[in-house]
C-alpha atoms as a PDB file:
ATOM      1  CA  MET A   1     -31.771  27.687  54.561  1.00  0.00           C
ATOM      2  CA  THR A   2     -29.129  28.993  56.960  1.00  0.00           C
ATOM      3  CA  GLY A   3     -26.086  31.013  55.939  1.00  0.00           C
ATOM      4  CA  GLY A   4     -27.746  32.680  52.951  1.00  0.00           C
ATOM      5  CA  PRO A   5     -26.719  32.631  49.262  1.00  0.00           C
ATOM      6  CA  LEU A   6     -23.008  32.322  50.004  1.00  0.00           C
ATOM      7  CA  ALA A   7     -23.502  29.020  51.807  1.00  0.00           C
ATOM      8  CA  HIS A   8     -25.402  27.710  48.815  1.00  0.00           C
ATOM      9  CA  VAL A   9     -22.638  28.702  46.368  1.00  0.00           C
ATOM     10  CA  THR A  10     -19.984  27.095  48.659  1.00  0.00           C
ATOM     11  CA  GLN A  11     -22.070  23.880  48.668  1.00  0.00           C
ATOM     12  CA  LEU A  12     -22.311  23.849  44.958  1.00  0.00           C
ATOM     13  CA  LEU A  13     -18.543  24.401  44.554  1.00  0.00           C
ATOM     14  CA  ARG A  14     -17.780  21.529  46.928  1.00  0.00           C
ATOM     15  CA  ALA A  15     -20.012  19.197  44.909  1.00  0.00           C
ATOM     16  CA  ALA A  16     -18.577  20.352  41.552  1.00  0.00           C
ATOM     17  CA  LEU A  17     -14.885  20.631  42.616  1.00  0.00           C
ATOM     18  CA  PRO A  18     -13.934  16.967  41.741  1.00  0.00           C
ATOM     19  CA  ALA A  19     -15.433  17.348  38.250  1.00  0.00           C
ATOM     20  CA  ILE A  20     -13.659  20.747  37.710  1.00  0.00           C
ATOM     21  CA  LEU A  21     -10.330  19.325  38.872  1.00  0.00           C
ATOM     22  CA  ALA A  22     -10.777  16.355  36.518  1.00  0.00           C
ATOM     23  CA  ILE A  23     -11.370  18.619  33.548  1.00  0.00           C
ATOM     24  CA  PHE A  24      -8.328  20.710  34.325  1.00  0.00           C
ATOM     25  CA  VAL A  25      -6.106  17.667  34.733  1.00  0.00           C
ATOM     26  CA  LEU A  26      -7.290  16.194  31.399  1.00  0.00           C
ATOM     27  CA  ALA A  27      -6.723  19.476  29.663  1.00  0.00           C
ATOM     28  CA  PHE A  28      -3.262  19.689  31.104  1.00  0.00           C
ATOM     29  CA  LEU A  29      -2.422  16.124  30.071  1.00  0.00           C
ATOM     30  CA  ALA A  30      -3.710  16.773  26.492  1.00  0.00           C
ATOM     31  CA  VAL A  31      -1.586  19.918  26.149  1.00  0.00           C
ATOM     32  CA  SER A  32       1.471  18.160  27.611  1.00  0.00           C
ATOM     33  CA  ARG A  33       1.002  15.213  25.302  1.00  0.00           C
ATOM     34  CA  GLY A  34       0.662  17.514  22.312  1.00  0.00           C
ATOM     35  CA  LYS A  35       3.943  19.287  23.201  1.00  0.00           C
ATOM     36  CA  ALA A  36       5.655  15.945  23.530  1.00  0.00           C
ATOM     37  CA  GLU A  37       4.520  14.817  20.130  1.00  0.00           C
ATOM     38  CA  ASN A  38       5.280  18.269  18.569  1.00  0.00           C
ATOM     39  CA  PRO A  39       8.345  19.536  20.534  1.00  0.00           C
ATOM     40  CA  GLY A  40       9.013  22.395  18.097  1.00  0.00           C
ATOM     41  CA  GLY A  41       5.722  23.961  19.177  1.00  0.00           C
ATOM     42  CA  ALA A  42       4.447  24.363  15.616  1.00  0.00           C
ATOM     43  CA  SER A  43       0.707  24.464  15.436  1.00  0.00           C
ATOM     44  CA  VAL A  44      -1.201  21.562  13.877  1.00  0.00           C
ATOM     45  CA  ALA A  45      -2.116  23.914  10.991  1.00  0.00           C
ATOM     46  CA  ASN A  46       1.583  24.120  10.013  1.00  0.00           C
ATOM     47  CA  ARG A  47       2.272  20.402  10.009  1.00  0.00           C
ATOM     48  CA  GLN A  48       2.236  18.532   6.740  1.00  0.00           C
ATOM     49  CA  VAL A  49      -0.380  15.778   6.518  1.00  0.00           C
ATOM     50  CA  LEU A  50       0.209  13.152   3.881  1.00  0.00           C
ATOM     51  CA  PRO A  51      -2.906  11.589   2.322  1.00  0.00           C
ATOM     52  CA  THR A  52      -3.333   7.852   2.430  1.00  0.00           C
ATOM     53  CA  THR A  53      -5.149   7.915  -0.875  1.00  0.00           C
ATOM     54  CA  PRO A  54      -4.726  10.216  -3.838  1.00  0.00           C
ATOM     55  CA  ALA A  55      -6.857  13.359  -3.456  1.00  0.00           C
ATOM     56  CA  ALA A  56      -7.887  13.386  -7.141  1.00  0.00           C
ATOM     57  CA  PRO A  57      -7.136  10.380  -9.249  1.00  0.00           C
ATOM     58  CA  SER A  58      -5.186  11.116 -12.428  1.00  0.00           C
ATOM     59  CA  ARG A  59      -7.069  10.716 -15.700  1.00  0.00           C
ATOM     60  CA  ARG A  60      -4.044   9.284 -17.518  1.00  0.00           C
ATOM     61  CA  ARG A  61      -4.567   6.035 -19.263  1.00  0.00           C
ATOM     62  CA  ASP A  62      -3.663   2.869 -17.346  1.00  0.00           C
ATOM     63  CA  GLU A  63      -0.941   1.986 -19.804  1.00  0.00           C
ATOM     64  CA  GLU A  64       0.799   5.265 -19.157  1.00  0.00           C
ATOM     65  CA  LYS A  65       0.575   4.869 -15.444  1.00  0.00           C
ATOM     66  CA  LEU A  66       1.954   1.302 -15.417  1.00  0.00           C
ATOM     67  CA  GLY A  67       5.417   2.390 -16.631  1.00  0.00           C
ATOM     68  CA  GLU A  68       6.159   4.161 -13.299  1.00  0.00           C
ATOM     69  CA  ARG A  69       5.848   3.503  -9.620  1.00  0.00           C
ATOM     70  CA  LEU A  70       2.222   4.154  -8.674  1.00  0.00           C
ATOM     71  CA  ARG A  71       0.926   5.990  -5.589  1.00  0.00           C
ATOM     72  CA  GLU A  72      -0.510   4.101  -2.601  1.00  0.00           C
ATOM     73  CA  GLY A  73      -4.274   3.740  -3.022  1.00  0.00           C
ATOM     74  CA  THR A  74      -4.228   3.909  -6.894  1.00  0.00           C
ATOM     75  CA  LYS A  75      -6.988   1.814  -8.326  1.00  0.00           C
ATOM     76  CA  LEU A  76      -6.428  -0.540 -11.267  1.00  0.00           C
ATOM     77  CA  ILE A  77      -9.644  -1.202 -13.058  1.00  0.00           C
ATOM     78  CA  ASP A  78     -10.080  -3.927 -15.676  1.00  0.00           C
ATOM     79  CA  VAL A  79      -6.443  -4.171 -16.623  1.00  0.00           C
ATOM     80  CA  VAL A  80      -5.600  -7.089 -18.933  1.00  0.00           C
ATOM     81  CA  GLY A  81      -2.565  -9.180 -18.106  1.00  0.00           C
ATOM     82  CA  SER A  82      -1.313 -12.527 -16.792  1.00  0.00           C
ATOM     83  CA  PHE A  83      -0.202 -13.971 -13.505  1.00  0.00           C
ATOM     84  CA  GLN A  84       3.094 -15.800 -13.018  1.00  0.00           C
ATOM     85  CA  VAL A  85       4.060 -18.015 -10.117  1.00  0.00           C
ATOM     86  CA  THR A  86       7.656 -18.076  -8.925  1.00  0.00           C
ATOM     87  CA  GLY A  87       8.145 -20.252  -5.928  1.00  0.00           C
ATOM     88  CA  ASP A  88       5.426 -19.273  -3.410  1.00  0.00           C
ATOM     89  CA  ARG A  89       5.032 -15.774  -4.891  1.00  0.00           C
ATOM     90  CA  VAL A  90       2.539 -14.644  -7.577  1.00  0.00           C
ATOM     91  CA  SER A  91       2.981 -11.558  -9.656  1.00  0.00           C
ATOM     92  CA  PHE A  92       0.708  -9.795 -12.120  1.00  0.00           C
ATOM     93  CA  HIS A  93       2.156  -8.721 -15.493  1.00  0.00           C
ATOM     94  CA  PRO A  94      -0.048  -6.128 -17.348  1.00  0.00           C
ATOM     95  CA  ASP A  95      -0.139  -6.510 -21.120  1.00  0.00           C
ATOM     96  CA  GLY A  96       1.549  -3.790 -23.088  1.00  0.00           C
ATOM     97  CA  THR A  97       4.146  -2.874 -20.433  1.00  0.00           C
ATOM     98  CA  ARG A  98       7.946  -3.442 -20.604  1.00  0.00           C
ATOM     99  CA  GLY A  99       8.758  -5.721 -17.692  1.00  0.00           C
ATOM    100  CA  GLU A 100       6.364  -4.003 -15.321  1.00  0.00           C
ATOM    101  CA  SER A 101       4.888  -6.320 -12.747  1.00  0.00           C
ATOM    102  CA  PHE A 102       3.324  -6.287  -9.305  1.00  0.00           C
ATOM    103  CA  ARG A 103       3.741  -8.707  -6.552  1.00  0.00           C
ATOM    104  CA  VAL A 104       0.222  -9.900  -5.594  1.00  0.00           C
ATOM    105  CA  LEU A 105      -0.724  -9.624  -1.907  1.00  0.00           C
ATOM    106  CA  GLU A 106      -2.284 -12.561  -0.245  1.00  0.00           C
ATOM    107  CA  ASN A 107      -6.042 -12.566   0.021  1.00  0.00           C
ATOM    108  CA  LEU A 108      -8.944 -14.770  -0.952  1.00  0.00           C
ATOM    109  CA  ALA A 109      -8.784 -13.523  -4.574  1.00  0.00           C
ATOM    110  CA  LEU A 110      -5.201 -14.619  -4.862  1.00  0.00           C
ATOM    111  CA  GLU A 111      -6.160 -18.045  -3.453  1.00  0.00           C
ATOM    112  CA  ARG A 112      -8.722 -18.460  -6.192  1.00  0.00           C
ATOM    113  CA  ILE A 113      -6.314 -17.232  -8.863  1.00  0.00           C
ATOM    114  CA  ASP A 114      -3.667 -19.655  -7.628  1.00  0.00           C
ATOM    115  CA  ARG A 115      -6.160 -22.464  -7.790  1.00  0.00           C
ATOM    116  CA  VAL A 116      -6.951 -21.663 -11.454  1.00  0.00           C
ATOM    117  CA  LEU A 117      -3.234 -21.383 -12.297  1.00  0.00           C
ATOM    118  CA  ALA A 118      -2.507 -24.781 -10.691  1.00  0.00           C
ATOM    119  CA  GLU A 119      -5.256 -26.437 -12.719  1.00  0.00           C
ATOM    120  CA  SER A 120      -4.231 -24.850 -15.997  1.00  0.00           C
ATOM    121  CA  ARG A 121      -1.326 -25.972 -18.231  1.00  0.00           C
ATOM    122  CA  LEU A 122      -1.303 -22.550 -19.993  1.00  0.00           C
ATOM    123  CA  SER A 123      -0.950 -19.046 -18.489  1.00  0.00           C
ATOM    124  CA  PRO A 124      -4.428 -17.649 -19.194  1.00  0.00           C
ATOM    125  CA  SER A 125      -5.121 -13.931 -19.712  1.00  0.00           C
ATOM    126  CA  TRP A 126      -6.991 -12.107 -17.000  1.00  0.00           C
ATOM    127  CA  THR A 127      -8.962  -8.924 -16.548  1.00  0.00           C
ATOM    128  CA  VAL A 128      -7.898  -7.615 -13.127  1.00  0.00           C
ATOM    129  CA  SER A 129      -9.009  -4.832 -10.773  1.00  0.00           C
ATOM    130  CA  GLY A 130      -7.353  -3.937  -7.543  1.00  0.00           C
ATOM    131  CA  THR A 131      -5.653  -1.424  -5.286  1.00  0.00           C
ATOM    132  CA  ILE A 132      -1.962  -0.598  -5.514  1.00  0.00           C
ATOM    133  CA  THR A 133       0.123  -0.427  -2.239  1.00  0.00           C
ATOM    134  CA  GLU A 134       3.723   0.782  -1.728  1.00  0.00           C
ATOM    135  CA  PHE A 135       6.414  -0.706   0.500  1.00  0.00           C
ATOM    136  CA  ARG A 136      10.154   0.060   0.414  1.00  0.00           C
ATOM    137  CA  GLY A 137      10.042   1.611  -3.036  1.00  0.00           C
ATOM    138  CA  SER A 138       8.013  -1.149  -4.707  1.00  0.00           C
ATOM    139  CA  ASN A 139       4.446  -1.461  -5.735  1.00  0.00           C
ATOM    140  CA  TYR A 140       2.188  -4.351  -4.712  1.00  0.00           C
ATOM    141  CA  LEU A 141      -1.268  -5.270  -5.912  1.00  0.00           C
ATOM    142  CA  LEU A 142      -4.247  -6.180  -3.686  1.00  0.00           C
ATOM    143  CA  VAL A 143      -6.618  -7.927  -6.093  1.00  0.00           C
ATOM    144  CA  THR A 144     -10.361  -7.150  -5.725  1.00  0.00           C
ATOM    145  CA  LYS A 145     -11.495  -8.811  -8.959  1.00  0.00           C
ATOM    146  CA  ALA A 146      -9.867 -11.176 -11.362  1.00  0.00           C
ATOM    147  CA  VAL A 147     -11.703 -12.745 -14.373  1.00  0.00           C
ATOM    148  CA  VAL A 148     -10.177 -15.320 -16.711  1.00  0.00           C
ATOM    149  CA  ARG A 149     -10.417 -14.196 -20.397  1.00  0.00           C
ATOM    150  CA  THR A 150     -11.180 -16.652 -23.152  1.00  0.00           C
ATOM    151  CA  ALA A 151      -8.322 -17.270 -25.639  1.00  0.00           C
ATOM    152  CA  ALA A 152     -10.612 -17.112 -28.723  1.00  0.00           C
ATOM    153  CA  ASP A 153     -11.916 -13.550 -28.569  1.00  0.00           C
ATOM    154  CA  GLY A 154     -10.205 -12.012 -25.556  1.00  0.00           C
ATOM    155  CA  THR A 155     -13.467 -11.508 -23.686  1.00  0.00           C
ATOM    156  CA  PRO A 156     -13.978 -12.590 -20.081  1.00  0.00           C
ATOM    157  CA  ALA A 157     -15.026 -16.247 -19.648  1.00  0.00           C
ATOM    158  CA  PRO A 158     -18.494 -16.831 -18.145  1.00  0.00           C
END
């Protein structure tokens, strides 16, 4: 080996230089991008992060919660009510609330509900579960389960 230990170090640096430069460039771009997204320079720890779902679900009864606008991600579980069709829109009206209703978002569950409503002359009662969403100050319901209830005893139909 000619040139001694210094030549060996120089050879290693030449081999590693492209990788070292790439790391510095990526670090610089990440810092620059962070400043562009946060021009005030406040650290990430000082920024407010809004949850997409409630941190701890409220233990209030469903009937109390239905009288006010609900938070995004709120779960409705086995709420009794009826569906109404207006034009090409379907809304869910929980029993025991004053005029409260939720526009139902389109999915396979709504397609099945719509099929039952089209075949029925009456507006049957349903037991419904789903997730509440918010958009422009209004609540919407994404149905995950809907069971038709029998008229005789109010229990779900088989």
